[in-house]
PDB file of all heavy atoms in Angstrom:
ATOM      1  N   SER A   1     -76.087 -52.923-154.816  1.00  0.00           N
ATOM      2  CA  SER A   1     -75.362 -53.085-156.100  1.00  0.00           C
ATOM      3  C   SER A   1     -74.632 -54.414-156.126  1.00  0.00           C
ATOM      4  O   SER A   1     -74.165 -54.854-157.258  1.00  0.00           O
ATOM      5  CB  SER A   1     -74.334 -51.876-156.240  1.00  0.00           C
ATOM      6  OG  SER A   1     -73.461 -51.833-155.151  1.00  0.00           O
ATOM      7  N   VAL A   2     -74.384 -55.070-155.025  1.00  0.00           N
ATOM      8  CA  VAL A   2     -73.611 -56.323-155.033  1.00  0.00           C
ATOM      9  C   VAL A   2     -74.475 -57.483-154.579  1.00  0.00           C
ATOM     10  O   VAL A   2     -73.989 -58.662-154.604  1.00  0.00           O
ATOM     11  CB  VAL A   2     -72.354 -56.245-154.133  1.00  0.00           C
ATOM     12  CG1 VAL A   2     -71.552 -55.014-154.518  1.00  0.00           C
ATOM     13  CG2 VAL A   2     -72.726 -56.183-152.656  1.00  0.00           C
ATOM     14  N   LYS A   3     -75.744 -57.288-154.189  1.00  0.00           N
ATOM     15  CA  LYS A   3     -76.553 -58.398-153.741  1.00  0.00           C
ATOM     16  C   LYS A   3     -76.687 -59.466-154.810  1.00  0.00           C
ATOM     17  O   LYS A   3     -76.977 -59.126-155.968  1.00  0.00           O
ATOM     18  CB  LYS A   3     -77.936 -57.870-153.314  1.00  0.00           C
ATOM     19  CG  LYS A   3     -78.052 -57.351-151.867  1.00  0.00           C
ATOM     20  CD  LYS A   3     -79.410 -56.883-151.553  1.00  0.00           C
ATOM     21  CE  LYS A   3     -79.399 -56.252-150.129  1.00  0.00           C
ATOM     22  NZ  LYS A   3     -80.732 -55.597-149.862  1.00  0.00           N
ATOM     23  N   GLY A   4     -76.536 -60.668-154.375  1.00  0.00           N
ATOM     24  CA  GLY A   4     -76.687 -61.802-155.276  1.00  0.00           C
ATOM     25  C   GLY A   4     -75.364 -62.142-156.018  1.00  0.00           C
ATOM     26  O   GLY A   4     -75.328 -63.167-156.743  1.00  0.00           O
ATOM     27  N   ARG A   5     -74.337 -61.237-155.946  1.00  0.00           N
ATOM     28  CA  ARG A   5     -73.118 -61.501-156.606  1.00  0.00           C
ATOM     29  C   ARG A   5     -71.975 -61.697-155.619  1.00  0.00           C
ATOM     30  O   ARG A   5     -70.974 -62.440-155.904  1.00  0.00           O
ATOM     31  CB  ARG A   5     -72.725 -60.304-157.582  1.00  0.00           C
ATOM     32  CG  ARG A   5     -73.773 -60.071-158.655  1.00  0.00           C
ATOM     33  CD  ARG A   5     -73.292 -59.037-159.588  1.00  0.00           C
ATOM     34  NE  ARG A   5     -73.055 -57.688-159.015  1.00  0.00           N
ATOM     35  CZ  ARG A   5     -71.902 -57.053-159.051  1.00  0.00           C
ATOM     36  NH1 ARG A   5     -70.878 -57.618-159.654  1.00  0.00           N
ATOM     37  NH2 ARG A   5     -71.755 -55.840-158.525  1.00  0.00           N
ATOM     38  N   PHE A   6     -71.993 -60.943-154.470  1.00  0.00           N
ATOM     39  CA  PHE A   6     -70.970 -61.004-153.534  1.00  0.00           C
ATOM     40  C   PHE A   6     -71.463 -61.786-152.234  1.00  0.00           C
ATOM     41  O   PHE A   6     -72.613 -61.641-151.857  1.00  0.00           O
ATOM     42  CB  PHE A   6     -70.498 -59.606-153.099  1.00  0.00           C
ATOM     43  CG  PHE A   6     -69.835 -58.795-154.112  1.00  0.00           C
ATOM     44  CD1 PHE A   6     -69.751 -59.134-155.444  1.00  0.00           C
ATOM     45  CD2 PHE A   6     -69.196 -57.629-153.728  1.00  0.00           C
ATOM     46  CE1 PHE A   6     -69.069 -58.413-156.420  1.00  0.00           C
ATOM     47  CE2 PHE A   6     -68.482 -56.823-154.677  1.00  0.00           C
ATOM     48  CZ  PHE A   6     -68.452 -57.269-156.006  1.00  0.00           C
ATOM     49  N   THR A   7     -70.463 -62.447-151.586  1.00  0.00           N
ATOM     50  CA  THR A   7     -70.796 -63.167-150.342  1.00  0.00           C
ATOM     51  C   THR A   7     -69.673 -62.903-149.346  1.00  0.00           C
ATOM     52  O   THR A   7     -68.519 -63.178-149.707  1.00  0.00           O
ATOM     53  CB  THR A   7     -70.932 -64.653-150.564  1.00  0.00           C
ATOM     54  OG1 THR A   7     -71.933 -64.944-151.614  1.00  0.00           O
ATOM     55  CG2 THR A   7     -71.320 -65.344-149.335  1.00  0.00           C
ATOM     56  N   ILE A   8     -70.086 -62.486-148.197  1.00  0.00           N
ATOM     57  CA  ILE A   8     -69.118 -62.255-147.126  1.00  0.00           C
ATOM     58  C   ILE A   8     -69.198 -63.468-146.139  1.00  0.00           C
ATOM     59  O   ILE A   8     -70.274 -63.962-145.865  1.00  0.00           O
ATOM     60  CB  ILE A   8     -69.425 -60.912-146.392  1.00  0.00           C
ATOM     61  CG1 ILE A   8     -68.250 -60.578-145.405  1.00  0.00           C
ATOM     62  CG2 ILE A   8     -70.767 -60.934-145.690  1.00  0.00           C
ATOM     63  CD1 ILE A   8     -68.351 -59.166-144.837  1.00  0.00           C
ATOM     64  N   SER A   9     -67.995 -63.827-145.594  1.00  0.00           N
ATOM     65  CA  SER A   9     -67.898 -64.896-144.605  1.00  0.00           C
ATOM     66  C   SER A   9     -66.804 -64.593-143.636  1.00  0.00           C
ATOM     67  O   SER A   9     -65.897 -63.781-143.937  1.00  0.00           O
ATOM     68  CB  SER A   9     -67.798 -66.257-145.286  1.00  0.00           C
ATOM     69  OG  SER A   9     -66.516 -66.217-146.025  1.00  0.00           O
ATOM     70  N   ARG A  10     -66.835 -65.279-142.519  1.00  0.00           N
ATOM     71  CA  ARG A  10     -65.734 -65.090-141.582  1.00  0.00           C
ATOM     72  C   ARG A  10     -65.440 -66.374-140.849  1.00  0.00           C
ATOM     73  O   ARG A  10     -66.233 -67.319-140.818  1.00  0.00           O
ATOM     74  CB  ARG A  10     -66.097 -64.044-140.549  1.00  0.00           C
ATOM     75  CG  ARG A  10     -67.259 -64.416-139.573  1.00  0.00           C
ATOM     76  CD  ARG A  10     -67.645 -63.320-138.648  1.00  0.00           C
ATOM     77  NE  ARG A  10     -66.548 -62.865-137.755  1.00  0.00           N
ATOM     78  CZ  ARG A  10     -66.472 -61.674-137.163  1.00  0.00           C
ATOM     79  NH1 ARG A  10     -67.419 -60.796-137.337  1.00  0.00           N
ATOM     80  NH2 ARG A  10     -65.510 -61.454-136.318  1.00  0.00           N
ATOM     81  N   ASP A  11     -64.165 -66.450-140.378  1.00  0.00           N
ATOM     82  CA  ASP A  11     -63.725 -67.630-139.570  1.00  0.00           C
ATOM     83  C   ASP A  11     -63.118 -67.064-138.339  1.00  0.00           C
ATOM     84  O   ASP A  11     -61.951 -66.618-138.345  1.00  0.00           O
ATOM     85  CB  ASP A  11     -62.703 -68.438-140.443  1.00  0.00           C
ATOM     86  CG  ASP A  11     -62.281 -69.709-139.734  1.00  0.00           C
ATOM     87  OD1 ASP A  11     -62.429 -69.783-138.478  1.00  0.00           O
ATOM     88  OD2 ASP A  11     -61.749 -70.683-140.418  1.00  0.00           O
ATOM     89  N   ASN A  12     -63.837 -67.164-137.177  1.00  0.00           N
ATOM     90  CA  ASN A  12     -63.391 -66.645-135.905  1.00  0.00           C
ATOM     91  C   ASN A  12     -62.191 -67.402-135.399  1.00  0.00           C
ATOM     92  O   ASN A  12     -61.417 -66.792-134.580  1.00  0.00           O
ATOM     93  CB  ASN A  12     -64.513 -66.530-134.921  1.00  0.00           C
ATOM     94  CG  ASN A  12     -65.482 -65.338-135.244  1.00  0.00           C
ATOM     95  OD1 ASN A  12     -65.224 -64.502-136.117  1.00  0.00           O
ATOM     96  ND2 ASN A  12     -66.561 -65.355-134.570  1.00  0.00           N
ATOM     97  N   ALA A  13     -62.058 -68.633-135.761  1.00  0.00           N
ATOM     98  CA  ALA A  13     -60.946 -69.414-135.243  1.00  0.00           C
ATOM     99  C   ALA A  13     -59.613 -69.011-135.955  1.00  0.00           C
ATOM    100  O   ALA A  13     -58.518 -69.214-135.405  1.00  0.00           O
ATOM    101  CB  ALA A  13     -61.144 -70.940-135.501  1.00  0.00           C
ATOM    102  N   ASP A  14     -59.794 -68.441-137.182  1.00  0.00           N
ATOM    103  CA  ASP A  14     -58.664 -68.028-137.993  1.00  0.00           C
ATOM    104  C   ASP A  14     -58.417 -66.591-138.075  1.00  0.00           C
ATOM    105  O   ASP A  14     -57.457 -66.137-138.687  1.00  0.00           O
ATOM    106  CB  ASP A  14     -58.960 -68.549-139.393  1.00  0.00           C
ATOM    107  CG  ASP A  14     -57.726 -69.245-140.002  1.00  0.00           C
ATOM    108  OD1 ASP A  14     -56.771 -69.473-139.286  1.00  0.00           O
ATOM    109  OD2 ASP A  14     -57.872 -69.573-141.184  1.00  0.00           O
ATOM    110  N   ASN A  15     -59.303 -65.785-137.461  1.00  0.00           N
ATOM    111  CA  ASN A  15     -59.236 -64.360-137.524  1.00  0.00           C
ATOM    112  C   ASN A  15     -59.267 -63.818-138.924  1.00  0.00           C
ATOM    113  O   ASN A  15     -58.461 -62.938-139.340  1.00  0.00           O
ATOM    114  CB  ASN A  15     -57.956 -63.773-136.821  1.00  0.00           C
ATOM    115  CG  ASN A  15     -58.129 -63.745-135.321  1.00  0.00           C
ATOM    116  OD1 ASN A  15     -59.011 -64.432-134.791  1.00  0.00           O
ATOM    117  ND2 ASN A  15     -57.313 -63.045-134.688  1.00  0.00           N
ATOM    118  N   THR A  16     -60.110 -64.399-139.798  1.00  0.00           N
ATOM    119  CA  THR A  16     -60.177 -63.983-141.183  1.00  0.00           C
ATOM    120  C   THR A  16     -61.607 -63.698-141.595  1.00  0.00           C
ATOM    121  O   THR A  16     -62.580 -64.241-141.084  1.00  0.00           O
ATOM    122  CB  THR A  16     -59.595 -65.013-142.126  1.00  0.00           C
ATOM    123  OG1 THR A  16     -60.253 -66.251-141.866  1.00  0.00           O
ATOM    124  CG2 THR A  16     -58.113 -65.219-141.892  1.00  0.00           C
ATOM    125  N   VAL A  17     -61.705 -62.822-142.551  1.00  0.00           N
ATOM    126  CA  VAL A  17     -62.971 -62.535-143.204  1.00  0.00           C
ATOM    127  C   VAL A  17     -62.706 -62.465-144.705  1.00  0.00           C
ATOM    128  O   VAL A  17     -61.635 -62.064-145.209  1.00  0.00           O
ATOM    129  CB  VAL A  17     -63.584 -61.141-142.718  1.00  0.00           C
ATOM    130  CG1 VAL A  17     -62.656 -59.949-143.000  1.00  0.00           C
ATOM    131  CG2 VAL A  17     -64.864 -60.883-143.339  1.00  0.00           C
ATOM    132  N   HIS A  18     -63.699 -62.936-145.433  1.00  0.00           N
ATOM    133  CA  HIS A  18     -63.517 -63.146-146.843  1.00  0.00           C
ATOM    134  C   HIS A  18     -64.671 -62.419-147.641  1.00  0.00           C
ATOM    135  O   HIS A  18     -65.787 -62.328-147.123  1.00  0.00           O
ATOM    136  CB  HIS A  18     -63.490 -64.591-147.280  1.00  0.00           C
ATOM    137  CG  HIS A  18     -62.556 -65.435-146.440  1.00  0.00           C
ATOM    138  ND1 HIS A  18     -61.128 -65.353-146.736  1.00  0.00           N
ATOM    139  CD2 HIS A  18     -62.615 -66.223-145.430  1.00  0.00           C
ATOM    140  CE1 HIS A  18     -60.561 -66.188-145.928  1.00  0.00           C
ATOM    141  NE2 HIS A  18     -61.456 -66.667-145.048  1.00  0.00           N
ATOM    142  N   LEU A  19     -64.401 -62.028-148.861  1.00  0.00           N
ATOM    143  CA  LEU A  19     -65.489 -61.504-149.730  1.00  0.00           C
ATOM    144  C   LEU A  19     -65.275 -62.225-151.093  1.00  0.00           C
ATOM    145  O   LEU A  19     -64.377 -62.058-151.793  1.00  0.00           O
ATOM    146  CB  LEU A  19     -65.342 -59.953-149.933  1.00  0.00           C
ATOM    147  CG  LEU A  19     -66.347 -59.310-150.694  1.00  0.00           C
ATOM    148  CD1 LEU A  19     -67.719 -59.342-149.937  1.00  0.00           C
ATOM    149  CD2 LEU A  19     -66.066 -57.934-151.114  1.00  0.00           C
ATOM    150  N   GLN A  20     -66.254 -63.085-151.329  1.00  0.00           N
ATOM    151  CA  GLN A  20     -66.285 -63.800-152.619  1.00  0.00           C
ATOM    152  C   GLN A  20     -67.104 -62.955-153.565  1.00  0.00           C
ATOM    153  O   GLN A  20     -68.237 -62.633-153.343  1.00  0.00           O
ATOM    154  CB  GLN A  20     -66.975 -65.119-152.482  1.00  0.00           C
ATOM    155  CG  GLN A  20     -67.113 -65.926-153.778  1.00  0.00           C
ATOM    156  CD  GLN A  20     -65.787 -66.324-154.372  1.00  0.00           C
ATOM    157  OE1 GLN A  20     -64.920 -66.735-153.640  1.00  0.00           O
ATOM    158  NE2 GLN A  20     -65.640 -66.220-155.703  1.00  0.00           N
ATOM    159  N   MET A  21     -66.449 -62.536-154.701  1.00  0.00           N
ATOM    160  CA  MET A  21     -67.051 -61.663-155.654  1.00  0.00           C
ATOM    161  C   MET A  21     -67.197 -62.387-157.019  1.00  0.00           C
ATOM    162  O   MET A  21     -66.234 -62.792-157.596  1.00  0.00           O
ATOM    163  CB  MET A  21     -66.208 -60.409-155.863  1.00  0.00           C
ATOM    164  CG  MET A  21     -65.896 -59.653-154.549  1.00  0.00           C
ATOM    165  SD  MET A  21     -65.047 -58.042-154.806  1.00  0.00           S
ATOM    166  CE  MET A  21     -63.451 -58.686-155.436  1.00  0.00           C
ATOM    167  N   ASN A  22     -68.463 -62.571-157.393  1.00  0.00           N
ATOM    168  CA  ASN A  22     -68.766 -63.257-158.680  1.00  0.00           C
ATOM    169  C   ASN A  22     -69.347 -62.288-159.611  1.00  0.00           C
ATOM    170  O   ASN A  22     -69.893 -61.207-159.209  1.00  0.00           O
ATOM    171  CB  ASN A  22     -69.696 -64.446-158.429  1.00  0.00           C
ATOM    172  CG  ASN A  22     -69.105 -65.453-157.517  1.00  0.00           C
ATOM    173  OD1 ASN A  22     -67.938 -65.694-157.486  1.00  0.00           O
ATOM    174  ND2 ASN A  22     -70.011 -66.075-156.798  1.00  0.00           N
ATOM    175  N   SER A  23     -69.404 -62.602-160.904  1.00  0.00           N
ATOM    176  CA  SER A  23     -69.990 -61.830-161.954  1.00  0.00           C
ATOM    177  C   SER A  23     -69.576 -60.349-161.850  1.00  0.00           C
ATOM    178  O   SER A  23     -70.393 -59.477-161.860  1.00  0.00           O
ATOM    179  CB  SER A  23     -71.560 -61.908-161.852  1.00  0.00           C
ATOM    180  OG  SER A  23     -71.962 -63.278-161.890  1.00  0.00           O
ATOM    181  N   LEU A  24     -68.313 -60.203-161.777  1.00  0.00           N
ATOM    182  CA  LEU A  24     -67.772 -58.860-161.564  1.00  0.00           C
ATOM    183  C   LEU A  24     -68.051 -57.962-162.775  1.00  0.00           C
ATOM    184  O   LEU A  24     -68.076 -58.419-163.962  1.00  0.00           O
ATOM    185  CB  LEU A  24     -66.249 -58.888-161.348  1.00  0.00           C
ATOM    186  CG  LEU A  24     -65.920 -59.292-159.873  1.00  0.00           C
ATOM    187  CD1 LEU A  24     -64.461 -59.787-159.767  1.00  0.00           C
ATOM    188  CD2 LEU A  24     -66.117 -58.146-158.913  1.00  0.00           C
ATOM    189  N   LYS A  25     -68.277 -56.665-162.499  1.00  0.00           N
ATOM    190  CA  LYS A  25     -68.574 -55.689-163.513  1.00  0.00           C
ATOM    191  C   LYS A  25     -67.526 -54.531-163.473  1.00  0.00           C
ATOM    192  O   LYS A  25     -66.863 -54.383-162.404  1.00  0.00           O
ATOM    193  CB  LYS A  25     -69.957 -55.045-163.233  1.00  0.00           C
ATOM    194  CG  LYS A  25     -71.108 -56.056-163.144  1.00  0.00           C
ATOM    195  CD  LYS A  25     -72.393 -55.380-162.688  1.00  0.00           C
ATOM    196  CE  LYS A  25     -73.509 -56.322-162.552  1.00  0.00           C
ATOM    197  NZ  LYS A  25     -74.746 -55.690-162.170  1.00  0.00           N
ATOM    198  N   PRO A  26     -67.393 -53.813-164.568  1.00  0.00           N
ATOM    199  CA  PRO A  26     -66.434 -52.713-164.580  1.00  0.00           C
ATOM    200  C   PRO A  26     -66.652 -51.773-163.378  1.00  0.00           C
ATOM    201  O   PRO A  26     -65.720 -51.166-162.875  1.00  0.00           O
ATOM    202  CB  PRO A  26     -66.591 -52.098-165.892  1.00  0.00           C
ATOM    203  CG  PRO A  26     -67.049 -53.228-166.796  1.00  0.00           C
ATOM    204  CD  PRO A  26     -67.923 -54.047-165.911  1.00  0.00           C
ATOM    205  N   GLU A  27     -67.895 -51.517-163.063  1.00  0.00           N
ATOM    206  CA  GLU A  27     -68.228 -50.603-161.952  1.00  0.00           C
ATOM    207  C   GLU A  27     -67.857 -51.125-160.577  1.00  0.00           C
ATOM    208  O   GLU A  27     -67.964 -50.390-159.598  1.00  0.00           O
ATOM    209  CB  GLU A  27     -69.743 -50.223-161.982  1.00  0.00           C
ATOM    210  CG  GLU A  27     -70.636 -51.399-162.079  1.00  0.00           C
ATOM    211  CD  GLU A  27     -71.161 -51.733-163.472  1.00  0.00           C
ATOM    212  OE1 GLU A  27     -70.315 -51.692-164.412  1.00  0.00           O
ATOM    213  OE2 GLU A  27     -72.357 -51.948-163.670  1.00  0.00           O
ATOM    214  N   ASP A  28     -67.416 -52.353-160.507  1.00  0.00           N
ATOM    215  CA  ASP A  28     -66.923 -52.897-159.221  1.00  0.00           C
ATOM    216  C   ASP A  28     -65.426 -52.454-159.030  1.00  0.00           C
ATOM    217  O   ASP A  28     -64.832 -52.665-157.946  1.00  0.00           O
ATOM    218  CB  ASP A  28     -66.968 -54.401-159.183  1.00  0.00           C
ATOM    219  CG  ASP A  28     -68.452 -54.909-159.201  1.00  0.00           C
ATOM    220  OD1 ASP A  28     -69.218 -54.329-158.450  1.00  0.00           O
ATOM    221  OD2 ASP A  28     -68.663 -55.840-159.880  1.00  0.00           O
ATOM    222  N   THR A  29     -64.799 -51.833-160.050  1.00  0.00           N
ATOM    223  CA  THR A  29     -63.436 -51.362-159.910  1.00  0.00           C
ATOM    224  C   THR A  29     -63.287 -50.332-158.817  1.00  0.00           C
ATOM    225  O   THR A  29     -63.984 -49.332-158.796  1.00  0.00           O
ATOM    226  CB  THR A  29     -62.971 -50.793-161.272  1.00  0.00           C
ATOM    227  OG1 THR A  29     -62.939 -51.809-162.249  1.00  0.00           O
ATOM    228  CG2 THR A  29     -61.581 -50.141-161.114  1.00  0.00           C
ATOM    229  N   ALA A  30     -62.402 -50.613-157.845  1.00  0.00           N
ATOM    230  CA  ALA A  30     -62.255 -49.778-156.720  1.00  0.00           C
ATOM    231  C   ALA A  30     -61.080 -50.333-155.852  1.00  0.00           C
ATOM    232  O   ALA A  30     -60.620 -51.404-155.998  1.00  0.00           O
ATOM    233  CB  ALA A  30     -63.501 -49.610-155.953  1.00  0.00           C
ATOM    234  N   VAL A  31     -60.687 -49.520-154.878  1.00  0.00           N
ATOM    235  CA  VAL A  31     -59.840 -50.030-153.771  1.00  0.00           C
ATOM    236  C   VAL A  31     -60.808 -50.572-152.714  1.00  0.00           C
ATOM    237  O   VAL A  31     -61.777 -49.911-152.248  1.00  0.00           O
ATOM    238  CB  VAL A  31     -58.946 -48.997-153.189  1.00  0.00           C
ATOM    239  CG1 VAL A  31     -58.183 -49.543-151.947  1.00  0.00           C
ATOM    240  CG2 VAL A  31     -58.034 -48.402-154.193  1.00  0.00           C
ATOM    241  N   TYR A  32     -60.635 -51.831-152.297  1.00  0.00           N
ATOM    242  CA  TYR A  32     -61.485 -52.474-151.321  1.00  0.00           C
ATOM    243  C   TYR A  32     -60.835 -52.495-150.001  1.00  0.00           C
ATOM    244  O   TYR A  32     -59.686 -52.916-149.825  1.00  0.00           O
ATOM    245  CB  TYR A  32     -61.809 -53.909-151.806  1.00  0.00           C
ATOM    246  CG  TYR A  32     -62.874 -53.908-152.815  1.00  0.00           C
ATOM    247  CD1 TYR A  32     -62.548 -53.488-154.181  1.00  0.00           C
ATOM    248  CD2 TYR A  32     -64.183 -54.341-152.620  1.00  0.00           C
ATOM    249  CE1 TYR A  32     -63.520 -53.536-155.160  1.00  0.00           C
ATOM    250  CE2 TYR A  32     -65.135 -54.381-153.618  1.00  0.00           C
ATOM    251  CZ  TYR A  32     -64.801 -53.965-154.892  1.00  0.00           C
ATOM    252  OH  TYR A  32     -65.813 -53.927-155.843  1.00  0.00           O
ATOM    253  N   TYR A  33     -61.585 -52.087-148.927  1.00  0.00           N
ATOM    254  CA  TYR A  33     -61.037 -51.949-147.578  1.00  0.00           C
ATOM    255  C   TYR A  33     -61.763 -52.873-146.663  1.00  0.00           C
ATOM    256  O   TYR A  33     -62.983 -52.963-146.623  1.00  0.00           O
ATOM    257  CB  TYR A  33     -61.172 -50.520-147.028  1.00  0.00           C
ATOM    258  CG  TYR A  33     -60.398 -49.465-147.828  1.00  0.00           C
ATOM    259  CD1 TYR A  33     -60.974 -48.806-148.917  1.00  0.00           C
ATOM    260  CD2 TYR A  33     -59.090 -49.170-147.478  1.00  0.00           C
ATOM    261  CE1 TYR A  33     -60.275 -47.845-149.610  1.00  0.00           C
ATOM    262  CE2 TYR A  33     -58.428 -48.196-148.201  1.00  0.00           C
ATOM    263  CZ  TYR A  33     -58.974 -47.549-149.264  1.00  0.00           C
ATOM    264  OH  TYR A  33     -58.268 -46.582-149.958  1.00  0.00           O
ATOM    265  N   CYS A  34     -60.976 -53.581-145.837  1.00  0.00           N
ATOM    266  CA  CYS A  34     -61.460 -54.395-144.762  1.00  0.00           C
ATOM    267  C   CYS A  34     -61.700 -53.454-143.567  1.00  0.00           C
ATOM    268  O   CYS A  34     -60.902 -52.502-143.328  1.00  0.00           O
ATOM    269  CB  CYS A  34     -60.451 -55.468-144.454  1.00  0.00           C
ATOM    270  SG  CYS A  34     -60.977 -56.546-143.076  1.00  0.00           S
ATOM    271  N   ALA A  35     -62.804 -53.669-142.823  1.00  0.00           N
ATOM    272  CA  ALA A  35     -63.074 -52.806-141.722  1.00  0.00           C
ATOM    273  C   ALA A  35     -63.598 -53.568-140.560  1.00  0.00           C
ATOM    274  O   ALA A  35     -64.284 -54.627-140.680  1.00  0.00           O
ATOM    275  CB  ALA A  35     -64.232 -51.785-142.162  1.00  0.00           C
ATOM    276  N   ALA A  36     -63.300 -53.069-139.331  1.00  0.00           N
ATOM    277  CA  ALA A  36     -63.700 -53.710-138.048  1.00  0.00           C
ATOM    278  C   ALA A  36     -64.456 -52.718-137.228  1.00  0.00           C
ATOM    279  O   ALA A  36     -63.953 -51.630-136.962  1.00  0.00           O
ATOM    280  CB  ALA A  36     -62.507 -54.288-137.353  1.00  0.00           C
TER     281      ALA A  36
END
């Protein structure tokens, strides 16, 4: 459902992970959780 619109990336030096979300749709409405 998100292929081609969302991109995940990480920076191990910074201990961060990101989710770039483009072309958002109403059905993307939700609580988003980071997971390890």
